[in-house]
Amino acid sequence: MAAFSDPFLKNLCAGKEFLWHTKPPRGRSGGMLVGINLGTFDVGEIEEGEYFVRFRIRNKEDGFQWNLIWGCTR
């Protein structure tokens, strides 16, 4: 996966503060680009598997914690 420039990523999120995580393609599976709005969420842990990325996040407004799992199929 090509590297993304800061101006490109800022344009995607309308200039808001985001944490960006990329995972390059593997075999036939495409790469991943995941963005988390840091104005809304705190990011605790990031786990990267062979075909997924898991974020442990907490909503800043109500403190609710959850896992966001982003994956692809082979």
PDB file of N, CA and C in Angstrom:
ATOM      1  N   MET A   1       0.858  -1.164   0.000  1.00  0.00           N
ATOM      2  CA  MET A   1       0.000   0.000   0.000  1.00  0.00           C
ATOM      3  C   MET A   1       0.901   1.223   0.000  1.00  0.00           C
ATOM      4  N   ALA A   2       0.568   2.154  -0.816  1.00  0.00           N
ATOM      5  CA  ALA A   2       1.353   3.380  -0.887  1.00  0.00           C
ATOM      6  C   ALA A   2       1.186   4.176   0.406  1.00  0.00           C
ATOM      7  N   ALA A   3       2.208   4.904   0.762  1.00  0.00           N
ATOM      8  CA  ALA A   3       2.126   5.773   1.926  1.00  0.00           C
ATOM      9  C   ALA A   3       1.165   6.915   1.628  1.00  0.00           C
ATOM     10  N   PHE A   4       0.413   7.322   2.625  1.00  0.00           N
ATOM     11  CA  PHE A   4      -0.529   8.420   2.463  1.00  0.00           C
ATOM     12  C   PHE A   4       0.100   9.683   3.022  1.00  0.00           C
ATOM     13  N   SER A   5      -0.016  10.774   2.292  1.00  0.00           N
ATOM     14  CA  SER A   5       0.556  12.040   2.750  1.00  0.00           C
ATOM     15  C   SER A   5      -0.337  12.651   3.828  1.00  0.00           C
ATOM     16  N   ASP A   6       0.257  13.480   4.686  1.00  0.00           N
ATOM     17  CA  ASP A   6      -0.514  14.166   5.724  1.00  0.00           C
ATOM     18  C   ASP A   6      -1.628  15.026   5.127  1.00  0.00           C
ATOM     19  N   PRO A   7      -1.365  15.808   4.058  1.00  0.00           N
ATOM     20  CA  PRO A   7      -2.464  16.595   3.475  1.00  0.00           C
ATOM     21  C   PRO A   7      -3.621  15.719   2.974  1.00  0.00           C
ATOM     22  N   PHE A   8      -3.323  14.553   2.396  1.00  0.00           N
ATOM     23  CA  PHE A   8      -4.363  13.653   1.911  1.00  0.00           C
ATOM     24  C   PHE A   8      -5.225  13.164   3.080  1.00  0.00           C
ATOM     25  N   LEU A   9      -4.575  12.734   4.180  1.00  0.00           N
ATOM     26  CA  LEU A   9      -5.315  12.236   5.334  1.00  0.00           C
ATOM     27  C   LEU A   9      -6.114  13.344   6.009  1.00  0.00           C
ATOM     28  N   LYS A  10      -5.567  14.539   6.120  1.00  0.00           N
ATOM     29  CA  LYS A  10      -6.296  15.663   6.714  1.00  0.00           C
ATOM     30  C   LYS A  10      -7.528  16.001   5.880  1.00  0.00           C
ATOM     31  N   ASN A  11      -7.415  15.864   4.566  1.00  0.00           N
ATOM     32  CA  ASN A  11      -8.558  16.112   3.684  1.00  0.00           C
ATOM     33  C   ASN A  11      -9.651  15.056   3.920  1.00  0.00           C
ATOM     34  N   LEU A  12      -9.276  13.797   4.144  1.00  0.00           N
ATOM     35  CA  LEU A  12     -10.251  12.737   4.390  1.00  0.00           C
ATOM     36  C   LEU A  12     -11.085  13.007   5.644  1.00  0.00           C
ATOM     37  N   CYS A  13     -10.452  13.563   6.672  1.00  0.00           N
ATOM     38  CA  CYS A  13     -11.148  13.754   7.954  1.00  0.00           C
ATOM     39  C   CYS A  13     -11.527  15.211   8.192  1.00  0.00           C
ATOM     40  N   ALA A  14     -11.532  16.011   7.151  1.00  0.00           N
ATOM     41  CA  ALA A  14     -11.926  17.423   7.234  1.00  0.00           C
ATOM     42  C   ALA A  14     -11.108  18.189   8.274  1.00  0.00           C
ATOM     43  N   GLY A  15      -9.817  17.841   8.413  1.00  0.00           N
ATOM     44  CA  GLY A  15      -8.918  18.563   9.308  1.00  0.00           C
ATOM     45  C   GLY A  15      -9.037  18.206  10.779  1.00  0.00           C
ATOM     46  N   LYS A  16      -9.943  17.275  11.142  1.00  0.00           N
ATOM     47  CA  LYS A  16     -10.072  16.869  12.542  1.00  0.00           C
ATOM     48  C   LYS A  16      -8.885  15.991  12.932  1.00  0.00           C
ATOM     49  N   GLU A  17      -8.682  15.861  14.251  1.00  0.00           N
ATOM     50  CA  GLU A  17      -7.549  15.066  14.742  1.00  0.00           C
ATOM     51  C   GLU A  17      -7.915  13.584  14.728  1.00  0.00           C
ATOM     52  N   PHE A  18      -7.292  12.838  13.831  1.00  0.00           N
ATOM     53  CA  PHE A  18      -7.532  11.409  13.691  1.00  0.00           C
ATOM     54  C   PHE A  18      -6.247  10.637  13.931  1.00  0.00           C
ATOM     55  N   LEU A  19      -6.390   9.422  14.458  1.00  0.00           N
ATOM     56  CA  LEU A  19      -5.293   8.468  14.502  1.00  0.00           C
ATOM     57  C   LEU A  19      -5.489   7.565  13.294  1.00  0.00           C
ATOM     58  N   TRP A  20      -4.483   7.449  12.460  1.00  0.00           N
ATOM     59  CA  TRP A  20      -4.569   6.627  11.254  1.00  0.00           C
ATOM     60  C   TRP A  20      -3.720   5.382  11.429  1.00  0.00           C
ATOM     61  N   HIS A  21      -4.268   4.246  10.989  1.00  0.00           N
ATOM     62  CA  HIS A  21      -3.543   2.975  11.049  1.00  0.00           C
ATOM     63  C   HIS A  21      -3.656   2.318   9.680  1.00  0.00           C
ATOM     64  N   THR A  22      -2.529   1.924   9.118  1.00  0.00           N
ATOM     65  CA  THR A  22      -2.530   1.259   7.815  1.00  0.00           C
ATOM     66  C   THR A  22      -1.984  -0.158   7.949  1.00  0.00           C
ATOM     67  N   LYS A  23      -2.482  -1.021   7.109  1.00  0.00           N
ATOM     68  CA  LYS A  23      -2.000  -2.403   7.038  1.00  0.00           C
ATOM     69  C   LYS A  23      -1.810  -2.705   5.555  1.00  0.00           C
ATOM     70  N   PRO A  24      -0.612  -3.090   5.156  1.00  0.00           N
ATOM     71  CA  PRO A  24      -0.349  -3.322   3.735  1.00  0.00           C
ATOM     72  C   PRO A  24      -1.094  -4.551   3.204  1.00  0.00           C
ATOM     73  N   PRO A  25      -1.256  -4.651   1.897  1.00  0.00           N
ATOM     74  CA  PRO A  25      -1.899  -5.826   1.314  1.00  0.00           C
ATOM     75  C   PRO A  25      -1.107  -7.092   1.633  1.00  0.00           C
ATOM     76  N   ARG A  26      -1.820  -8.213   1.699  1.00  0.00           N
ATOM     77  CA  ARG A  26      -1.182  -9.504   1.943  1.00  0.00           C
ATOM     78  C   ARG A  26      -1.783 -10.489   0.942  1.00  0.00           C
ATOM     79  N   GLY A  27      -0.975 -10.975   0.036  1.00  0.00           N
ATOM     80  CA  GLY A  27      -1.479 -11.880  -1.000  1.00  0.00           C
ATOM     81  C   GLY A  27      -2.541 -11.192  -1.832  1.00  0.00           C
ATOM     82  N   ARG A  28      -3.713 -11.799  -1.922  1.00  0.00           N
ATOM     83  CA  ARG A  28      -4.814 -11.221  -2.683  1.00  0.00           C
ATOM     84  C   ARG A  28      -5.654 -10.244  -1.873  1.00  0.00           C
ATOM     85  N   SER A  29      -5.437 -10.204  -0.563  1.00  0.00           N
ATOM     86  CA  SER A  29      -6.212  -9.298   0.287  1.00  0.00           C
ATOM     87  C   SER A  29      -5.689  -7.882   0.137  1.00  0.00           C
ATOM     88  N   GLY A  30      -6.608  -6.956  -0.032  1.00  0.00           N
ATOM     89  CA  GLY A  30      -6.222  -5.555  -0.138  1.00  0.00           C
ATOM     90  C   GLY A  30      -5.754  -5.020   1.198  1.00  0.00           C
ATOM     91  N   GLY A  31      -5.092  -3.902   1.169  1.00  0.00           N
ATOM     92  CA  GLY A  31      -4.633  -3.270   2.399  1.00  0.00           C
ATOM     93  C   GLY A  31      -5.790  -2.596   3.125  1.00  0.00           C
ATOM     94  N   MET A  32      -5.498  -2.072   4.313  1.00  0.00           N
ATOM     95  CA  MET A  32      -6.511  -1.403   5.127  1.00  0.00           C
ATOM     96  C   MET A  32      -6.024  -0.029   5.557  1.00  0.00           C
ATOM     97  N   LEU A  33      -6.953   0.891   5.607  1.00  0.00           N
ATOM     98  CA  LEU A  33      -6.726   2.212   6.179  1.00  0.00           C
ATOM     99  C   LEU A  33      -7.884   2.473   7.131  1.00  0.00           C
ATOM    100  N   VAL A  34      -7.572   2.636   8.426  1.00  0.00           N
ATOM    101  CA  VAL A  34      -8.599   2.863   9.440  1.00  0.00           C
ATOM    102  C   VAL A  34      -8.256   4.156  10.162  1.00  0.00           C
ATOM    103  N   GLY A  35      -9.252   5.006  10.343  1.00  0.00           N
ATOM    104  CA  GLY A  35      -9.062   6.257  11.064  1.00  0.00           C
ATOM    105  C   GLY A  35      -9.990   6.348  12.257  1.00  0.00           C
ATOM    106  N   ILE A  36      -9.473   6.810  13.394  1.00  0.00           N
ATOM    107  CA  ILE A  36     -10.246   6.973  14.622  1.00  0.00           C
ATOM    108  C   ILE A  36     -10.219   8.452  15.000  1.00  0.00           C
ATOM    109  N   ASN A  37     -11.404   9.032  15.202  1.00  0.00           N
ATOM    110  CA  ASN A  37     -11.520  10.436  15.578  1.00  0.00           C
ATOM    111  C   ASN A  37     -11.114  10.597  17.042  1.00  0.00           C
ATOM    112  N   LEU A  38      -9.969  11.230  17.289  1.00  0.00           N
ATOM    113  CA  LEU A  38      -9.449  11.393  18.645  1.00  0.00           C
ATOM    114  C   LEU A  38     -10.188  12.470  19.434  1.00  0.00           C
ATOM    115  N   GLY A  39     -11.037  13.244  18.780  1.00  0.00           N
ATOM    116  CA  GLY A  39     -11.896  14.185  19.488  1.00  0.00           C
ATOM    117  C   GLY A  39     -13.050  13.472  20.173  1.00  0.00           C
ATOM    118  N   THR A  40     -13.391  12.291  19.701  1.00  0.00           N
ATOM    119  CA  THR A  40     -14.509  11.511  20.220  1.00  0.00           C
ATOM    120  C   THR A  40     -14.063  10.300  21.027  1.00  0.00           C
ATOM    121  N   PHE A  41     -12.946   9.681  20.634  1.00  0.00           N
ATOM    122  CA  PHE A  41     -12.516   8.418  21.238  1.00  0.00           C
ATOM    123  C   PHE A  41     -11.089   8.477  21.764  1.00  0.00           C
ATOM    124  N   ASP A  42     -10.845   7.726  22.846  1.00  0.00           N
ATOM    125  CA  ASP A  42      -9.494   7.425  23.303  1.00  0.00           C
ATOM    126  C   ASP A  42      -9.172   6.025  22.802  1.00  0.00           C
ATOM    127  N   VAL A  43      -7.968   5.845  22.287  1.00  0.00           N
ATOM    128  CA  VAL A  43      -7.549   4.536  21.791  1.00  0.00           C
ATOM    129  C   VAL A  43      -6.652   3.902  22.836  1.00  0.00           C
ATOM    130  N   GLY A  44      -7.033   2.701  23.280  1.00  0.00           N
ATOM    131  CA  GLY A  44      -6.245   2.012  24.290  1.00  0.00           C
ATOM    132  C   GLY A  44      -5.227   1.079  23.668  1.00  0.00           C
ATOM    133  N   GLU A  45      -5.695   0.064  22.996  1.00  0.00           N
ATOM    134  CA  GLU A  45      -4.829  -0.985  22.466  1.00  0.00           C
ATOM    135  C   GLU A  45      -5.147  -1.207  20.995  1.00  0.00           C
ATOM    136  N   ILE A  46      -4.117  -1.477  20.222  1.00  0.00           N
ATOM    137  CA  ILE A  46      -4.286  -1.849  18.817  1.00  0.00           C
ATOM    138  C   ILE A  46      -3.637  -3.208  18.629  1.00  0.00           C
ATOM    139  N   GLU A  47      -4.410  -4.152  18.113  1.00  0.00           N
ATOM    140  CA  GLU A  47      -3.899  -5.496  17.835  1.00  0.00           C
ATOM    141  C   GLU A  47      -4.039  -5.743  16.343  1.00  0.00           C
ATOM    142  N   GLU A  48      -2.960  -6.185  15.732  1.00  0.00           N
ATOM    143  CA  GLU A  48      -2.962  -6.444  14.299  1.00  0.00           C
ATOM    144  C   GLU A  48      -2.779  -7.936  14.062  1.00  0.00           C
ATOM    145  N   GLY A  49      -3.752  -8.559  13.411  1.00  0.00           N
ATOM    146  CA  GLY A  49      -3.664  -9.964  13.049  1.00  0.00           C
ATOM    147  C   GLY A  49      -3.335 -10.106  11.578  1.00  0.00           C
ATOM    148  N   GLU A  50      -3.393 -11.319  11.115  1.00  0.00           N
ATOM    149  CA  GLU A  50      -3.047 -11.567   9.713  1.00  0.00           C
ATOM    150  C   GLU A  50      -4.005 -10.859   8.758  1.00  0.00           C
ATOM    151  N   TYR A  51      -5.311 -10.884   9.079  1.00  0.00           N
ATOM    152  CA  TYR A  51      -6.307 -10.278   8.188  1.00  0.00           C
ATOM    153  C   TYR A  51      -7.250  -9.323   8.920  1.00  0.00           C
ATOM    154  N   PHE A  52      -6.818  -8.756  10.043  1.00  0.00           N
ATOM    155  CA  PHE A  52      -7.670  -7.821  10.780  1.00  0.00           C
ATOM    156  C   PHE A  52      -6.824  -6.849  11.595  1.00  0.00           C
ATOM    157  N   VAL A  53      -7.482  -5.782  12.010  1.00  0.00           N
ATOM    158  CA  VAL A  53      -6.928  -4.841  12.979  1.00  0.00           C
ATOM    159  C   VAL A  53      -8.023  -4.618  14.022  1.00  0.00           C
ATOM    160  N   ARG A  54      -7.655  -4.718  15.311  1.00  0.00           N
ATOM    161  CA  ARG A  54      -8.616  -4.499  16.396  1.00  0.00           C
ATOM    162  C   ARG A  54      -8.172  -3.301  17.219  1.00  0.00           C
ATOM    163  N   PHE A  55      -9.121  -2.397  17.461  1.00  0.00           N
ATOM    164  CA  PHE A  55      -8.882  -1.224  18.292  1.00  0.00           C
ATOM    165  C   PHE A  55      -9.729  -1.342  19.548  1.00  0.00           C
ATOM    166  N   ARG A  56      -9.134  -1.152  20.704  1.00  0.00           N
ATOM    167  CA  ARG A  56      -9.885  -1.034  21.959  1.00  0.00           C
ATOM    168  C   ARG A  56     -10.069   0.458  22.160  1.00  0.00           C
ATOM    169  N   ILE A  57     -11.312   0.939  22.072  1.00  0.00           N
ATOM    170  CA  ILE A  57     -11.547   2.380  22.150  1.00  0.00           C
ATOM    171  C   ILE A  57     -12.566   2.703  23.241  1.00  0.00           C
ATOM    172  N   ARG A  58     -12.496   3.958  23.711  1.00  0.00           N
ATOM    173  CA  ARG A  58     -13.406   4.446  24.751  1.00  0.00           C
ATOM    174  C   ARG A  58     -14.021   5.749  24.272  1.00  0.00           C
ATOM    175  N   ASN A  59     -15.352   5.817  24.360  1.00  0.00           N
ATOM    176  CA  ASN A  59     -16.066   7.028  24.012  1.00  0.00           C
ATOM    177  C   ASN A  59     -15.811   8.073  25.096  1.00  0.00           C
ATOM    178  N   LYS A  60     -15.305   9.234  24.729  1.00  0.00           N
ATOM    179  CA  LYS A  60     -14.967  10.275  25.707  1.00  0.00           C
ATOM    180  C   LYS A  60     -16.201  10.851  26.391  1.00  0.00           C
ATOM    181  N   GLU A  61     -17.343  10.848  25.714  1.00  0.00           N
ATOM    182  CA  GLU A  61     -18.545  11.462  26.268  1.00  0.00           C
ATOM    183  C   GLU A  61     -19.159  10.641  27.399  1.00  0.00           C
ATOM    184  N   ASP A  62     -19.299   9.338  27.206  1.00  0.00           N
ATOM    185  CA  ASP A  62     -19.967   8.528  28.228  1.00  0.00           C
ATOM    186  C   ASP A  62     -19.086   7.439  28.845  1.00  0.00           C
ATOM    187  N   GLY A  63     -17.832   7.296  28.386  1.00  0.00           N
ATOM    188  CA  GLY A  63     -16.902   6.329  28.941  1.00  0.00           C
ATOM    189  C   GLY A  63     -17.111   4.903  28.456  1.00  0.00           C
ATOM    190  N   PHE A  64     -18.062   4.688  27.550  1.00  0.00           N
ATOM    191  CA  PHE A  64     -18.328   3.340  27.045  1.00  0.00           C
ATOM    192  C   PHE A  64     -17.114   2.817  26.291  1.00  0.00           C
ATOM    193  N   GLN A  65     -16.687   1.585  26.607  1.00  0.00           N
ATOM    194  CA  GLN A  65     -15.525   0.974  25.960  1.00  0.00           C
ATOM    195  C   GLN A  65     -15.975  -0.167  25.060  1.00  0.00           C
ATOM    196  N   TRP A  66     -15.321  -0.292  23.925  1.00  0.00           N
ATOM    197  CA  TRP A  66     -15.673  -1.344  22.988  1.00  0.00           C
ATOM    198  C   TRP A  66     -14.516  -1.646  22.062  1.00  0.00           C
ATOM    199  N   ASN A  67     -14.664  -2.738  21.316  1.00  0.00           N
ATOM    200  CA  ASN A  67     -13.679  -3.153  20.322  1.00  0.00           C
ATOM    201  C   ASN A  67     -14.205  -2.845  18.935  1.00  0.00           C
ATOM    202  N   LEU A  68     -13.385  -2.211  18.145  1.00  0.00           N
ATOM    203  CA  LEU A  68     -13.675  -2.009  16.729  1.00  0.00           C
ATOM    204  C   LEU A  68     -12.754  -2.964  15.989  1.00  0.00           C
ATOM    205  N   ILE A  69     -13.343  -3.894  15.250  1.00  0.00           N
ATOM    206  CA  ILE A  69     -12.553  -4.873  14.502  1.00  0.00           C
ATOM    207  C   ILE A  69     -12.802  -4.652  13.025  1.00  0.00           C
ATOM    208  N   TRP A  70     -11.735  -4.397  12.313  1.00  0.00           N
ATOM    209  CA  TRP A  70     -11.786  -4.126  10.884  1.00  0.00           C
ATOM    210  C   TRP A  70     -11.028  -5.261  10.196  1.00  0.00           C
ATOM    211  N   GLY A  71     -11.676  -5.963   9.300  1.00  0.00           N
ATOM    212  CA  GLY A  71     -11.011  -7.107   8.681  1.00  0.00           C
ATOM    213  C   GLY A  71     -11.292  -7.223   7.206  1.00  0.00           C
ATOM    214  N   CYS A  72     -10.606  -8.157   6.617  1.00  0.00           N
ATOM    215  CA  CYS A  72     -10.818  -8.466   5.209  1.00  0.00           C
ATOM    216  C   CYS A  72     -10.782  -9.981   5.054  1.00  0.00           C
ATOM    217  N   THR A  73     -11.358 -10.448   3.979  1.00  0.00           N
ATOM    218  CA  THR A  73     -11.351 -11.885   3.720  1.00  0.00           C
ATOM    219  C   THR A  73     -10.224 -12.214   2.754  1.00  0.00           C
ATOM    220  N   ARG A  74      -9.856 -13.468   2.740  1.00  0.00           N
ATOM    221  CA  ARG A  74      -8.770 -13.880   1.857  1.00  0.00           C
ATOM    222  C   ARG A  74      -9.274 -14.080   0.456  1.00  0.00           C
TER     223      ARG A  74
END
